[in-house]
Amino acid sequence: MSTQAGARAAPAAAGHHGELAARLASRLCHDFAGPIGGILSGVELLTDAGSPIPAEDALALVQESARTLSSQLAFARVAFGSGDEPFASEDLVLLARNLFETIRPTLEWEIAAVSMPSPAARVLLNFVQLGAVALPVGGVVRPRYQREGELHLLTVDAVSARAVLHPEVAAGLAGEGRGEGLAGRWVQGAFVNAMVCAGGGELNVESTDGLVRFKARLPG
C-alpha cells in the first residue's frame, strides 16, 4: 500500500486562518489538560488527611505531571510560536527528546549541530510530533536536515510495521478543509501547510508499508 499527498502549498483564505487559530488553541488546551489534571489530583491527595495514597506517591504524581506540562509548553512555544530568531539544533533536540519521554515512539535525531531559521525549525518540530502521531503503538522517528544553497530541506521518517498516516493529517498538510475527522490531528497539518505557504516552500507526505515520510523545502 502506498499513498502520497502534497505539493506547493496554496494560500488560505482569511476565514480559514480564523478557524486555524481557534482549532489550534483548542488542540493546545486539550494537550495541556492531562498534566494539569495530574497536578491538581496530586495536590488534592497531598491535602487530604484521609487519603489512602502515600504522600510520596502523590508528590511524585505532581512532579511528573509538572515535568510533562513544562516540556509540552516549551515545545509548543517554539513549534507554534512566532518570531524570526534562529534556533540551534541542540536546543531543538532537547525540546523533542523531552516530549518523547512520555510517549511510546523513540526519537533518533540525525541532525548535526547547525543553526536553523525559525520557519524551518518550527516545521521540523511539527513534523517530529506528527511522526509520533503516525506511530500509535511505537516505532522510531528520524528527523533529518540539510541545506542546499538557499534551500532548507527537512525530512522526518516515522518507521514501524504499523505506521499510519491519518487522513486528517494528510488533509491538513495538503491545505484541505477539516472534513469530518479529528480536528486536533487536522489542525497541526493545516498549521504546517500555512507556515510552508507563507515561506514560499513546498511540502510532501508519503505513506508506504512501514513508513510515513514528511518532507519540506523552504527557501531562505
N, C-alpha and C. Protein backbone atom coordinates (compact mmCIF):
# COMPACT_ATOMS: atom_id res chain seq x y z
N MET A 1 0.85 -1.20 0.00
CA MET A 1 0.00 0.00 0.00
C MET A 1 0.88 1.24 0.00
N SER A 2 0.51 2.20 -0.86
CA SER A 2 1.30 3.42 -0.92
C SER A 2 0.38 4.59 -1.19
N THR A 3 0.56 5.67 -0.45
CA THR A 3 -0.18 6.89 -0.70
C THR A 3 0.79 8.05 -0.68
N GLN A 4 0.46 9.09 -1.41
CA GLN A 4 1.32 10.27 -1.45
C GLN A 4 0.45 11.49 -1.59
N ALA A 5 0.78 12.54 -0.86
CA ALA A 5 0.00 13.77 -0.93
C ALA A 5 0.92 14.95 -0.73
N GLY A 6 0.50 16.08 -1.31
CA GLY A 6 1.26 17.30 -1.06
C GLY A 6 1.84 17.86 -2.33
N ALA A 7 2.05 19.14 -2.32
CA ALA A 7 2.66 19.86 -3.42
C ALA A 7 2.97 21.24 -2.90
N ARG A 8 3.13 22.20 -3.79
CA ARG A 8 3.34 23.56 -3.31
C ARG A 8 2.11 24.02 -2.55
N ALA A 9 2.34 24.55 -1.36
CA ALA A 9 1.21 24.97 -0.53
C ALA A 9 0.47 26.12 -1.18
N ALA A 10 -0.83 26.13 -1.00
CA ALA A 10 -1.67 27.18 -1.56
C ALA A 10 -2.11 28.15 -0.49
N PRO A 11 -2.23 29.46 -0.81
CA PRO A 11 -2.65 30.43 0.18
C PRO A 11 -4.03 30.10 0.73
N ALA A 12 -4.23 30.37 2.01
CA ALA A 12 -5.52 30.10 2.66
C ALA A 12 -6.31 31.40 2.79
N ALA A 13 -7.63 31.27 2.80
CA ALA A 13 -8.50 32.43 2.95
C ALA A 13 -8.46 32.92 4.39
N ALA A 14 -8.90 34.18 4.58
CA ALA A 14 -8.87 34.77 5.91
C ALA A 14 -9.72 33.96 6.90
N GLY A 15 -10.88 33.48 6.43
CA GLY A 15 -11.73 32.68 7.30
C GLY A 15 -11.05 31.40 7.74
N HIS A 16 -10.26 30.83 6.84
CA HIS A 16 -9.52 29.61 7.18
C HIS A 16 -8.51 29.90 8.29
N HIS A 17 -7.85 31.03 8.23
CA HIS A 17 -6.88 31.39 9.27
C HIS A 17 -7.57 31.53 10.62
N GLY A 18 -8.79 32.08 10.61
CA GLY A 18 -9.53 32.22 11.86
C GLY A 18 -9.86 30.86 12.45
N GLU A 19 -10.30 29.94 11.61
CA GLU A 19 -10.61 28.59 12.10
C GLU A 19 -9.33 27.90 12.57
N LEU A 20 -8.25 28.13 11.85
CA LEU A 20 -6.97 27.51 12.21
C LEU A 20 -6.54 27.95 13.61
N ALA A 21 -6.64 29.26 13.89
CA ALA A 21 -6.25 29.77 15.20
C ALA A 21 -7.13 29.18 16.31
N ALA A 22 -8.44 29.12 16.06
CA ALA A 22 -9.35 28.58 17.06
C ALA A 22 -9.10 27.10 17.31
N ARG A 23 -8.90 26.34 16.24
CA ARG A 23 -8.66 24.91 16.38
C ARG A 23 -7.32 24.63 17.04
N LEU A 24 -6.33 25.46 16.73
CA LEU A 24 -5.03 25.27 17.34
C LEU A 24 -5.08 25.55 18.84
N ALA A 25 -5.79 26.61 19.22
CA ALA A 25 -5.96 26.91 20.64
C ALA A 25 -6.66 25.77 21.36
N SER A 26 -7.69 25.21 20.73
CA SER A 26 -8.41 24.08 21.32
C SER A 26 -7.50 22.87 21.45
N ARG A 27 -6.68 22.63 20.44
CA ARG A 27 -5.76 21.49 20.47
C ARG A 27 -4.77 21.63 21.62
N LEU A 28 -4.21 22.81 21.81
CA LEU A 28 -3.23 23.02 22.87
C LEU A 28 -3.89 22.88 24.25
N CYS A 29 -5.11 23.41 24.39
CA CYS A 29 -5.82 23.24 25.66
C CYS A 29 -6.03 21.77 25.98
N HIS A 30 -6.35 20.99 24.97
CA HIS A 30 -6.54 19.55 25.15
C HIS A 30 -5.23 18.89 25.58
N ASP A 31 -4.12 19.28 24.94
CA ASP A 31 -2.82 18.68 25.28
C ASP A 31 -2.42 19.00 26.71
N PHE A 32 -2.69 20.23 27.14
CA PHE A 32 -2.26 20.65 28.47
C PHE A 32 -3.19 20.16 29.57
N ALA A 33 -4.40 19.77 29.22
CA ALA A 33 -5.39 19.38 30.24
C ALA A 33 -4.94 18.17 31.04
N GLY A 34 -4.31 17.20 30.37
CA GLY A 34 -3.89 15.98 31.05
C GLY A 34 -2.91 16.23 32.19
N PRO A 35 -1.75 16.84 31.91
CA PRO A 35 -0.82 17.09 33.00
C PRO A 35 -1.33 18.07 34.05
N ILE A 36 -2.14 19.05 33.65
CA ILE A 36 -2.73 19.95 34.65
C ILE A 36 -3.64 19.17 35.59
N GLY A 37 -4.42 18.25 35.02
CA GLY A 37 -5.27 17.41 35.85
C GLY A 37 -4.46 16.56 36.81
N GLY A 38 -3.30 16.06 36.34
CA GLY A 38 -2.43 15.28 37.21
C GLY A 38 -1.89 16.10 38.37
N ILE A 39 -1.52 17.35 38.10
CA ILE A 39 -1.03 18.23 39.17
C ILE A 39 -2.12 18.47 40.20
N LEU A 40 -3.33 18.79 39.73
CA LEU A 40 -4.44 19.06 40.65
C LEU A 40 -4.80 17.83 41.48
N SER A 41 -4.80 16.66 40.83
CA SER A 41 -5.11 15.43 41.57
C SER A 41 -4.07 15.17 42.65
N GLY A 42 -2.79 15.37 42.30
CA GLY A 42 -1.73 15.16 43.28
C GLY A 42 -1.83 16.10 44.46
N VAL A 43 -2.16 17.36 44.18
CA VAL A 43 -2.30 18.35 45.25
C VAL A 43 -3.48 17.98 46.16
N GLU A 44 -4.58 17.54 45.56
CA GLU A 44 -5.73 17.13 46.36
C GLU A 44 -5.37 15.96 47.28
N LEU A 45 -4.62 15.01 46.76
CA LEU A 45 -4.21 13.86 47.58
C LEU A 45 -3.29 14.30 48.73
N LEU A 46 -2.41 15.25 48.44
CA LEU A 46 -1.49 15.73 49.47
C LEU A 46 -2.21 16.47 50.59
N THR A 47 -3.30 17.13 50.26
CA THR A 47 -4.01 17.93 51.27
C THR A 47 -5.17 17.18 51.92
N ASP A 48 -5.39 15.93 51.48
CA ASP A 48 -6.47 15.12 52.04
C ASP A 48 -5.90 14.23 53.15
N ALA A 49 -6.20 14.59 54.39
CA ALA A 49 -5.64 13.85 55.52
C ALA A 49 -6.09 12.40 55.54
N GLY A 50 -7.24 12.11 54.95
CA GLY A 50 -7.74 10.74 54.96
C GLY A 50 -7.40 9.94 53.72
N SER A 51 -6.56 10.48 52.84
CA SER A 51 -6.24 9.79 51.60
C SER A 51 -5.44 8.51 51.87
N PRO A 52 -5.81 7.39 51.21
CA PRO A 52 -5.05 6.16 51.38
C PRO A 52 -3.75 6.14 50.56
N ILE A 53 -3.57 7.15 49.70
CA ILE A 53 -2.38 7.23 48.85
C ILE A 53 -1.24 7.83 49.65
N PRO A 54 -0.08 7.17 49.71
CA PRO A 54 1.07 7.74 50.43
C PRO A 54 1.44 9.12 49.88
N ALA A 55 1.90 9.99 50.76
CA ALA A 55 2.25 11.35 50.37
C ALA A 55 3.34 11.36 49.30
N GLU A 56 4.30 10.41 49.39
CA GLU A 56 5.37 10.41 48.41
C GLU A 56 4.85 10.05 47.01
N ASP A 57 3.80 9.20 46.94
CA ASP A 57 3.21 8.87 45.64
C ASP A 57 2.45 10.07 45.07
N ALA A 58 1.75 10.78 45.94
CA ALA A 58 1.03 11.97 45.49
C ALA A 58 2.01 13.04 45.00
N LEU A 59 3.11 13.20 45.73
CA LEU A 59 4.12 14.18 45.33
C LEU A 59 4.76 13.78 44.01
N ALA A 60 4.99 12.48 43.82
CA ALA A 60 5.57 12.01 42.56
C ALA A 60 4.64 12.31 41.39
N LEU A 61 3.32 12.17 41.62
CA LEU A 61 2.35 12.49 40.57
C LEU A 61 2.42 13.97 40.22
N VAL A 62 2.51 14.83 41.22
CA VAL A 62 2.62 16.27 40.97
C VAL A 62 3.89 16.58 40.18
N GLN A 63 5.01 16.00 40.60
CA GLN A 63 6.29 16.29 39.95
C GLN A 63 6.31 15.80 38.51
N GLU A 64 5.83 14.58 38.27
CA GLU A 64 5.83 14.03 36.92
C GLU A 64 4.90 14.83 36.01
N SER A 65 3.73 15.19 36.51
CA SER A 65 2.79 15.97 35.71
C SER A 65 3.35 17.37 35.41
N ALA A 66 4.04 17.97 36.39
CA ALA A 66 4.64 19.28 36.18
C ALA A 66 5.74 19.22 35.13
N ARG A 67 6.55 18.15 35.15
CA ARG A 67 7.60 18.00 34.14
C ARG A 67 6.99 17.84 32.75
N THR A 68 5.93 17.04 32.67
CA THR A 68 5.27 16.84 31.37
C THR A 68 4.70 18.16 30.85
N LEU A 69 4.03 18.91 31.72
CA LEU A 69 3.45 20.19 31.30
C LEU A 69 4.54 21.16 30.87
N SER A 70 5.64 21.21 31.63
CA SER A 70 6.74 22.10 31.27
C SER A 70 7.31 21.74 29.90
N SER A 71 7.48 20.45 29.63
CA SER A 71 8.00 20.01 28.34
C SER A 71 7.05 20.38 27.21
N GLN A 72 5.74 20.17 27.43
CA GLN A 72 4.76 20.49 26.39
C GLN A 72 4.70 21.99 26.12
N LEU A 73 4.78 22.79 27.17
CA LEU A 73 4.74 24.25 26.99
C LEU A 73 5.97 24.74 26.24
N ALA A 74 7.15 24.22 26.60
CA ALA A 74 8.38 24.64 25.93
C ALA A 74 8.35 24.24 24.46
N PHE A 75 7.87 23.03 24.18
CA PHE A 75 7.77 22.57 22.80
C PHE A 75 6.79 23.43 22.01
N ALA A 76 5.61 23.67 22.57
CA ALA A 76 4.58 24.44 21.87
C ALA A 76 5.02 25.88 21.62
N ARG A 77 5.78 26.44 22.55
CA ARG A 77 6.24 27.83 22.40
C ARG A 77 7.05 28.00 21.13
N VAL A 78 7.86 26.99 20.80
CA VAL A 78 8.67 27.06 19.59
C VAL A 78 7.89 26.56 18.38
N ALA A 79 7.27 25.38 18.51
CA ALA A 79 6.61 24.76 17.36
C ALA A 79 5.45 25.58 16.83
N PHE A 80 4.71 26.26 17.72
CA PHE A 80 3.54 27.01 17.29
C PHE A 80 3.69 28.51 17.53
N GLY A 81 4.90 28.95 17.80
CA GLY A 81 5.13 30.34 18.14
C GLY A 81 5.36 31.23 16.94
N SER A 82 5.89 32.40 17.22
CA SER A 82 6.18 33.37 16.17
C SER A 82 7.55 33.97 16.44
N GLY A 83 7.96 34.86 15.57
CA GLY A 83 9.28 35.46 15.72
C GLY A 83 10.23 34.98 14.65
N ASP A 84 11.34 35.69 14.51
CA ASP A 84 12.28 35.42 13.43
C ASP A 84 13.64 34.93 13.92
N GLU A 85 13.77 34.69 15.22
CA GLU A 85 15.08 34.30 15.72
C GLU A 85 15.44 32.89 15.26
N PRO A 86 16.71 32.66 14.93
CA PRO A 86 17.14 31.31 14.55
C PRO A 86 17.20 30.41 15.78
N PHE A 87 17.21 29.10 15.53
CA PHE A 87 17.28 28.12 16.60
C PHE A 87 18.44 27.17 16.36
N ALA A 88 19.19 26.89 17.41
CA ALA A 88 20.26 25.90 17.32
C ALA A 88 19.65 24.51 17.37
N SER A 89 20.18 23.60 16.56
CA SER A 89 19.65 22.24 16.54
C SER A 89 19.80 21.58 17.90
N GLU A 90 20.81 21.98 18.69
CA GLU A 90 20.99 21.41 20.03
C GLU A 90 19.79 21.74 20.93
N ASP A 91 19.21 22.93 20.75
CA ASP A 91 18.03 23.31 21.53
C ASP A 91 16.79 22.57 21.04
N LEU A 92 16.69 22.38 19.74
CA LEU A 92 15.53 21.68 19.18
C LEU A 92 15.48 20.23 19.62
N VAL A 93 16.64 19.56 19.64
CA VAL A 93 16.64 18.15 20.02
C VAL A 93 16.26 17.99 21.49
N LEU A 94 16.61 18.94 22.34
CA LEU A 94 16.20 18.87 23.74
C LEU A 94 14.69 18.98 23.87
N LEU A 95 14.09 19.88 23.12
CA LEU A 95 12.64 20.02 23.15
C LEU A 95 11.97 18.73 22.69
N ALA A 96 12.50 18.15 21.62
CA ALA A 96 11.91 16.93 21.08
C ALA A 96 12.10 15.76 22.03
N ARG A 97 13.28 15.61 22.60
CA ARG A 97 13.54 14.48 23.50
C ARG A 97 12.68 14.54 24.75
N ASN A 98 12.49 15.73 25.27
CA ASN A 98 11.63 15.86 26.45
C ASN A 98 10.20 15.45 26.12
N LEU A 99 9.74 15.78 24.92
CA LEU A 99 8.40 15.40 24.50
C LEU A 99 8.27 13.89 24.40
N PHE A 100 9.32 13.22 23.94
CA PHE A 100 9.26 11.78 23.70
C PHE A 100 9.41 10.97 24.99
N GLU A 101 9.69 11.61 26.10
CA GLU A 101 9.84 10.87 27.35
C GLU A 101 8.54 10.23 27.83
N THR A 102 7.41 10.75 27.39
CA THR A 102 6.13 10.27 27.91
C THR A 102 5.27 9.61 26.84
N ILE A 103 5.85 9.26 25.68
CA ILE A 103 5.08 8.62 24.62
C ILE A 103 5.80 7.35 24.17
N ARG A 104 5.11 6.52 23.39
CA ARG A 104 5.65 5.22 23.02
C ARG A 104 6.79 5.26 21.99
N PRO A 105 6.69 6.04 20.92
CA PRO A 105 7.78 6.04 19.94
C PRO A 105 9.09 6.55 20.53
N THR A 106 10.19 6.20 19.88
CA THR A 106 11.50 6.69 20.27
C THR A 106 12.01 7.65 19.19
N LEU A 107 12.94 8.51 19.60
CA LEU A 107 13.48 9.54 18.71
C LEU A 107 14.93 9.23 18.39
N GLU A 108 15.26 9.19 17.11
CA GLU A 108 16.64 9.05 16.65
C GLU A 108 16.99 10.32 15.86
N TRP A 109 17.63 11.24 16.55
CA TRP A 109 17.94 12.56 15.98
C TRP A 109 19.16 12.43 15.07
N GLU A 110 19.00 12.71 13.80
CA GLU A 110 20.08 12.56 12.83
C GLU A 110 20.47 13.91 12.23
N ILE A 111 20.55 14.92 13.08
CA ILE A 111 20.88 16.27 12.62
C ILE A 111 22.10 16.76 13.38
N ALA A 112 23.09 17.19 12.64
CA ALA A 112 24.31 17.72 13.26
C ALA A 112 24.03 19.09 13.87
N ALA A 113 25.02 19.62 14.58
CA ALA A 113 24.89 20.94 15.20
C ALA A 113 24.86 22.01 14.12
N VAL A 114 23.70 22.62 13.96
CA VAL A 114 23.52 23.69 12.97
C VAL A 114 22.58 24.73 13.55
N SER A 115 22.51 25.87 12.89
CA SER A 115 21.53 26.90 13.23
C SER A 115 20.48 26.93 12.13
N MET A 116 19.22 26.90 12.51
CA MET A 116 18.13 26.90 11.54
C MET A 116 17.30 28.16 11.67
N PRO A 117 16.84 28.72 10.56
CA PRO A 117 15.90 29.84 10.65
C PRO A 117 14.61 29.35 11.29
N SER A 118 13.87 30.26 11.90
CA SER A 118 12.70 29.87 12.68
C SER A 118 11.65 29.10 11.87
N PRO A 119 11.36 29.47 10.60
CA PRO A 119 10.35 28.67 9.88
C PRO A 119 10.76 27.21 9.74
N ALA A 120 12.02 26.96 9.41
CA ALA A 120 12.48 25.58 9.26
C ALA A 120 12.43 24.84 10.59
N ALA A 121 12.82 25.52 11.67
CA ALA A 121 12.80 24.89 12.99
C ALA A 121 11.37 24.52 13.39
N ARG A 122 10.42 25.39 13.12
CA ARG A 122 9.03 25.13 13.50
C ARG A 122 8.43 23.99 12.68
N VAL A 123 8.70 24.01 11.39
CA VAL A 123 8.21 22.91 10.55
C VAL A 123 8.82 21.60 11.01
N LEU A 124 10.10 21.60 11.31
CA LEU A 124 10.77 20.38 11.75
C LEU A 124 10.13 19.82 13.02
N LEU A 125 9.92 20.68 14.02
CA LEU A 125 9.33 20.20 15.27
C LEU A 125 7.91 19.67 15.06
N ASN A 126 7.15 20.33 14.22
CA ASN A 126 5.81 19.84 13.93
C ASN A 126 5.86 18.50 13.21
N PHE A 127 6.78 18.35 12.27
CA PHE A 127 6.95 17.06 11.59
C PHE A 127 7.30 15.97 12.60
N VAL A 128 8.19 16.30 13.55
CA VAL A 128 8.58 15.32 14.56
C VAL A 128 7.36 14.87 15.36
N GLN A 129 6.52 15.81 15.77
CA GLN A 129 5.34 15.44 16.54
C GLN A 129 4.34 14.68 15.68
N LEU A 130 4.18 15.07 14.42
CA LEU A 130 3.31 14.34 13.52
C LEU A 130 3.84 12.92 13.28
N GLY A 131 5.17 12.80 13.26
CA GLY A 131 5.76 11.47 13.13
C GLY A 131 5.38 10.58 14.30
N ALA A 132 5.38 11.15 15.50
CA ALA A 132 4.97 10.38 16.68
C ALA A 132 3.50 9.99 16.59
N VAL A 133 2.67 10.89 16.08
CA VAL A 133 1.25 10.59 15.91
C VAL A 133 1.04 9.42 14.95
N ALA A 134 1.93 9.29 13.98
CA ALA A 134 1.84 8.21 13.00
C ALA A 134 2.25 6.86 13.56
N LEU A 135 2.73 6.83 14.82
CA LEU A 135 3.22 5.60 15.43
C LEU A 135 2.47 5.33 16.74
N PRO A 136 1.18 5.04 16.68
CA PRO A 136 0.38 4.90 17.91
C PRO A 136 0.80 3.75 18.80
N VAL A 137 1.44 2.73 18.24
CA VAL A 137 1.87 1.59 19.07
C VAL A 137 3.40 1.54 19.20
N GLY A 138 4.06 2.62 18.83
CA GLY A 138 5.51 2.69 18.97
C GLY A 138 6.22 2.56 17.63
N GLY A 139 7.49 2.89 17.65
CA GLY A 139 8.31 2.89 16.45
C GLY A 139 9.43 3.90 16.62
N VAL A 140 10.01 4.33 15.52
CA VAL A 140 11.15 5.24 15.55
C VAL A 140 10.85 6.46 14.68
N VAL A 141 11.13 7.63 15.21
CA VAL A 141 11.02 8.88 14.46
C VAL A 141 12.43 9.39 14.18
N ARG A 142 12.75 9.61 12.90
CA ARG A 142 14.09 10.04 12.49
C ARG A 142 14.02 11.36 11.73
N PRO A 143 14.38 12.47 12.36
CA PRO A 143 14.44 13.76 11.66
C PRO A 143 15.79 13.95 10.98
N ARG A 144 15.76 14.59 9.80
CA ARG A 144 17.00 14.94 9.08
C ARG A 144 16.85 16.36 8.53
N TYR A 145 17.99 17.00 8.38
CA TYR A 145 18.01 18.37 7.86
C TYR A 145 19.27 18.57 7.04
N GLN A 146 19.13 19.24 5.91
CA GLN A 146 20.31 19.65 5.15
C GLN A 146 20.00 20.96 4.42
N ARG A 147 21.07 21.64 4.11
CA ARG A 147 20.93 22.90 3.39
C ARG A 147 21.59 22.78 2.03
N GLU A 148 20.87 23.19 1.01
CA GLU A 148 21.39 23.22 -0.36
C GLU A 148 21.24 24.63 -0.90
N GLY A 149 22.32 25.39 -0.86
CA GLY A 149 22.26 26.78 -1.26
C GLY A 149 21.33 27.56 -0.37
N GLU A 150 20.27 28.12 -0.93
CA GLU A 150 19.29 28.88 -0.15
C GLU A 150 18.10 28.04 0.29
N LEU A 151 18.16 26.73 0.03
CA LEU A 151 17.05 25.86 0.39
C LEU A 151 17.34 25.09 1.67
N HIS A 152 16.31 24.99 2.52
CA HIS A 152 16.38 24.17 3.73
C HIS A 152 15.52 22.94 3.50
N LEU A 153 16.13 21.76 3.54
CA LEU A 153 15.45 20.52 3.25
C LEU A 153 15.21 19.75 4.55
N LEU A 154 13.96 19.48 4.84
CA LEU A 154 13.56 18.81 6.08
C LEU A 154 12.90 17.47 5.75
N THR A 155 13.31 16.44 6.45
CA THR A 155 12.70 15.12 6.29
C THR A 155 12.54 14.48 7.65
N VAL A 156 11.36 13.96 7.92
CA VAL A 156 11.12 13.21 9.15
C VAL A 156 10.46 11.89 8.77
N ASP A 157 11.11 10.78 9.12
CA ASP A 157 10.58 9.45 8.87
C ASP A 157 9.97 8.88 10.14
N ALA A 158 8.77 8.34 10.03
CA ALA A 158 8.12 7.60 11.11
C ALA A 158 8.12 6.14 10.68
N VAL A 159 8.87 5.31 11.40
CA VAL A 159 9.14 3.94 10.96
C VAL A 159 8.56 2.94 11.94
N SER A 160 7.71 2.08 11.43
CA SER A 160 7.13 0.99 12.23
C SER A 160 6.30 0.13 11.29
N ALA A 161 6.18 -1.14 11.61
CA ALA A 161 5.34 -2.03 10.80
C ALA A 161 3.89 -1.56 10.80
N ARG A 162 3.51 -0.79 11.82
CA ARG A 162 2.13 -0.33 11.93
C ARG A 162 2.03 1.20 11.84
N ALA A 163 2.97 1.80 11.14
CA ALA A 163 2.91 3.25 10.91
C ALA A 163 1.67 3.58 10.09
N VAL A 164 1.01 4.69 10.44
CA VAL A 164 -0.23 5.05 9.76
C VAL A 164 -0.29 6.56 9.53
N LEU A 165 -0.64 6.95 8.34
CA LEU A 165 -0.88 8.36 8.03
C LEU A 165 -2.37 8.61 8.18
N HIS A 166 -2.75 9.32 9.23
CA HIS A 166 -4.18 9.58 9.45
C HIS A 166 -4.72 10.50 8.36
N PRO A 167 -5.90 10.23 7.83
CA PRO A 167 -6.46 11.06 6.76
C PRO A 167 -6.56 12.54 7.14
N GLU A 168 -6.85 12.82 8.42
CA GLU A 168 -6.97 14.21 8.84
C GLU A 168 -5.63 14.95 8.72
N VAL A 169 -4.54 14.25 9.06
CA VAL A 169 -3.21 14.86 8.96
C VAL A 169 -2.87 15.12 7.49
N ALA A 170 -3.15 14.13 6.63
CA ALA A 170 -2.87 14.29 5.21
C ALA A 170 -3.67 15.45 4.61
N ALA A 171 -4.94 15.56 5.02
CA ALA A 171 -5.78 16.66 4.51
C ALA A 171 -5.23 18.01 4.95
N GLY A 172 -4.84 18.12 6.21
CA GLY A 172 -4.29 19.38 6.70
C GLY A 172 -3.02 19.77 5.97
N LEU A 173 -2.12 18.82 5.79
CA LEU A 173 -0.87 19.10 5.10
C LEU A 173 -1.09 19.50 3.65
N ALA A 174 -2.15 18.97 3.04
CA ALA A 174 -2.46 19.30 1.65
C ALA A 174 -3.24 20.61 1.52
N GLY A 175 -3.55 21.26 2.65
CA GLY A 175 -4.29 22.52 2.60
C GLY A 175 -5.78 22.34 2.42
N GLU A 176 -6.28 21.13 2.69
CA GLU A 176 -7.71 20.85 2.53
C GLU A 176 -8.45 21.17 3.83
N GLY A 177 -9.77 21.24 3.74
CA GLY A 177 -10.59 21.52 4.90
C GLY A 177 -10.60 20.36 5.88
N ARG A 178 -11.15 20.61 7.06
CA ARG A 178 -11.12 19.64 8.14
C ARG A 178 -11.97 18.41 7.85
N GLY A 179 -13.09 18.56 7.19
CA GLY A 179 -13.96 17.43 6.95
C GLY A 179 -14.55 16.91 8.25
N GLU A 180 -14.77 15.60 8.33
CA GLU A 180 -15.41 15.00 9.49
C GLU A 180 -14.42 14.37 10.46
N GLY A 181 -13.12 14.47 10.17
CA GLY A 181 -12.12 13.83 11.01
C GLY A 181 -11.84 14.59 12.28
N LEU A 182 -10.86 14.08 13.05
CA LEU A 182 -10.49 14.70 14.32
C LEU A 182 -9.80 16.04 14.08
N ALA A 183 -10.36 17.08 14.67
CA ALA A 183 -9.82 18.43 14.44
C ALA A 183 -8.41 18.58 14.99
N GLY A 184 -8.10 17.90 16.10
CA GLY A 184 -6.78 18.03 16.69
C GLY A 184 -5.68 17.51 15.80
N ARG A 185 -5.98 16.46 15.02
CA ARG A 185 -4.98 15.96 14.06
C ARG A 185 -4.89 16.86 12.84
N TRP A 186 -6.06 17.29 12.35
CA TRP A 186 -6.08 18.10 11.14
C TRP A 186 -5.36 19.42 11.34
N VAL A 187 -5.56 20.07 12.49
CA VAL A 187 -5.09 21.44 12.65
C VAL A 187 -3.57 21.53 12.60
N GLN A 188 -2.87 20.51 13.10
CA GLN A 188 -1.41 20.60 13.05
C GLN A 188 -0.91 20.51 11.62
N GLY A 189 -1.50 19.61 10.83
CA GLY A 189 -1.13 19.56 9.42
C GLY A 189 -1.44 20.85 8.69
N ALA A 190 -2.61 21.42 8.98
CA ALA A 190 -3.00 22.69 8.36
C ALA A 190 -2.08 23.82 8.77
N PHE A 191 -1.64 23.80 10.03
CA PHE A 191 -0.72 24.82 10.51
C PHE A 191 0.62 24.74 9.77
N VAL A 192 1.11 23.51 9.58
CA VAL A 192 2.36 23.33 8.83
C VAL A 192 2.18 23.82 7.39
N ASN A 193 1.06 23.47 6.78
CA ASN A 193 0.78 23.93 5.43
C ASN A 193 0.83 25.45 5.34
N ALA A 194 0.22 26.12 6.34
CA ALA A 194 0.19 27.59 6.34
C ALA A 194 1.60 28.16 6.49
N MET A 195 2.42 27.55 7.35
CA MET A 195 3.80 28.03 7.52
C MET A 195 4.60 27.89 6.24
N VAL A 196 4.50 26.72 5.62
CA VAL A 196 5.25 26.48 4.39
C VAL A 196 4.78 27.41 3.29
N CYS A 197 3.47 27.61 3.21
CA CYS A 197 2.90 28.53 2.22
C CYS A 197 3.45 29.94 2.42
N ALA A 198 3.47 30.39 3.67
CA ALA A 198 3.94 31.75 3.97
C ALA A 198 5.39 31.93 3.56
N GLY A 199 6.17 30.86 3.64
CA GLY A 199 7.58 30.94 3.27
C GLY A 199 7.86 30.64 1.82
N GLY A 200 6.83 30.38 1.02
CA GLY A 200 7.02 30.08 -0.40
C GLY A 200 7.67 28.74 -0.65
N GLY A 201 7.42 27.78 0.24
CA GLY A 201 8.06 26.48 0.10
C GLY A 201 7.14 25.41 -0.44
N GLU A 202 7.60 24.17 -0.35
CA GLU A 202 6.83 23.02 -0.79
C GLU A 202 6.86 21.97 0.31
N LEU A 203 5.78 21.18 0.40
CA LEU A 203 5.77 20.08 1.36
C LEU A 203 5.16 18.86 0.72
N ASN A 204 5.49 17.71 1.32
CA ASN A 204 5.04 16.44 0.77
C ASN A 204 4.98 15.42 1.89
N VAL A 205 4.03 14.52 1.82
CA VAL A 205 3.97 13.41 2.77
C VAL A 205 3.74 12.13 1.98
N GLU A 206 4.49 11.09 2.32
CA GLU A 206 4.39 9.80 1.66
C GLU A 206 4.11 8.73 2.69
N SER A 207 3.28 7.76 2.32
CA SER A 207 2.97 6.65 3.22
C SER A 207 3.08 5.34 2.46
N THR A 208 3.97 4.46 2.92
CA THR A 208 4.10 3.12 2.38
C THR A 208 4.07 2.15 3.55
N ASP A 209 4.10 0.88 3.28
CA ASP A 209 4.09 -0.10 4.35
C ASP A 209 5.30 0.11 5.25
N GLY A 210 5.05 0.41 6.51
CA GLY A 210 6.13 0.56 7.48
C GLY A 210 6.77 1.92 7.55
N LEU A 211 6.30 2.88 6.76
CA LEU A 211 6.95 4.19 6.74
C LEU A 211 5.97 5.30 6.40
N VAL A 212 6.01 6.37 7.20
CA VAL A 212 5.37 7.64 6.83
C VAL A 212 6.49 8.67 6.80
N ARG A 213 6.62 9.36 5.68
CA ARG A 213 7.72 10.33 5.49
C ARG A 213 7.14 11.72 5.23
N PHE A 214 7.57 12.68 6.06
CA PHE A 214 7.18 14.08 5.92
C PHE A 214 8.38 14.85 5.35
N LYS A 215 8.15 15.65 4.32
CA LYS A 215 9.25 16.39 3.67
C LYS A 215 8.82 17.82 3.39
N ALA A 216 9.77 18.74 3.51
CA ALA A 216 9.51 20.13 3.16
C ALA A 216 10.76 20.76 2.58
N ARG A 217 10.56 21.69 1.67
CA ARG A 217 11.64 22.50 1.09
C ARG A 217 11.29 23.96 1.34
N LEU A 218 12.15 24.64 2.08
CA LEU A 218 11.88 26.04 2.42
C LEU A 218 13.02 26.92 1.92
N PRO A 219 12.70 28.00 1.22
CA PRO A 219 13.75 28.93 0.80
C PRO A 219 14.21 29.79 1.97
N GLY A 220 15.37 30.42 1.77
CA GLY A 220 15.86 31.37 2.76
C GLY A 220 16.82 30.80 3.73
